[in-house]
Amino acid sequence: MTSVREARPDLGVVVVTHYHRILEQLNPDVVHLLVDGRVVTSGGPELALLIEREGYEAWR
């Protein structure tokens, strides 16, 4: 079975979630953190793990 990433490398998908478990299934390349409708930081999947572990307070 071909993955979507292999079949459509030019395809971009935006997913907005508060749940890390969804990101575990999607395996994102880039994670953006939005606070009050603005991107306050970006990173790789490790950013989602940091937010899960430490919360959002550092960016408020």
Protein backbone atom coordinates (compact mmCIF):
# COMPACT_ATOMS: atom_id res chain seq x y z
CA MET A 1 0.00 0.00 0.00
CA THR A 2 1.36 3.43 -0.97
CA SER A 3 1.23 6.14 1.67
CA VAL A 4 -0.28 9.52 0.87
CA ARG A 5 3.15 11.08 1.42
CA GLU A 6 4.65 8.80 -1.26
CA ALA A 7 1.76 9.15 -3.69
CA ARG A 8 1.37 12.94 -3.33
CA PRO A 9 4.64 14.52 -2.13
CA ASP A 10 3.35 17.94 -3.22
CA LEU A 11 0.22 17.74 -1.03
CA GLY A 12 0.04 19.92 2.08
CA VAL A 13 -2.42 19.27 4.90
CA VAL A 14 -3.30 21.53 7.82
CA VAL A 15 -4.66 19.90 10.98
CA VAL A 16 -5.63 21.94 14.02
CA THR A 17 -5.73 19.94 17.24
CA HIS A 18 -5.10 20.06 20.97
CA TYR A 19 -4.40 16.33 21.11
CA HIS A 20 -0.92 14.89 20.72
CA ARG A 21 -2.34 11.41 20.07
CA ILE A 22 -3.66 12.66 16.70
CA LEU A 23 -0.17 13.84 15.76
CA GLU A 24 1.20 10.40 16.67
CA GLN A 25 -0.96 8.97 13.89
CA LEU A 26 -0.19 11.70 11.34
CA ASN A 27 3.57 11.98 11.94
CA PRO A 28 3.85 15.67 10.95
CA ASP A 29 6.89 17.27 9.36
CA VAL A 30 6.20 20.68 10.90
CA VAL A 31 4.29 21.74 14.02
CA HIS A 32 3.13 25.33 14.57
CA LEU A 33 1.91 26.58 17.94
CA LEU A 34 -0.88 29.15 17.74
CA VAL A 35 -1.77 31.41 20.67
CA ASP A 36 -4.64 33.87 20.24
CA GLY A 37 -4.71 33.16 16.49
CA ARG A 38 -1.00 33.83 15.89
CA VAL A 39 1.86 31.43 15.25
CA VAL A 40 4.21 31.94 18.21
CA THR A 41 6.69 29.16 17.45
CA SER A 42 7.30 26.38 14.96
CA GLY A 43 9.32 23.21 14.99
CA GLY A 44 9.29 19.53 14.26
CA PRO A 45 7.37 16.77 16.01
CA GLU A 46 9.53 17.33 19.12
CA LEU A 47 7.67 20.64 19.66
CA ALA A 48 4.39 18.75 20.07
CA LEU A 49 6.04 16.48 22.65
CA LEU A 50 7.40 19.50 24.55
CA ILE A 51 3.97 21.12 24.64
CA GLU A 52 2.38 17.85 25.77
CA ARG A 53 4.95 17.56 28.57
CA GLU A 54 5.17 21.18 29.72
CA GLY A 55 1.93 22.84 28.57
CA TYR A 56 1.32 26.12 26.77
CA GLU A 57 2.14 28.59 29.53
CA ALA A 58 5.68 29.35 28.33
CA TRP A 59 4.24 30.87 25.13
CA ARG A 60 1.34 32.89 26.56
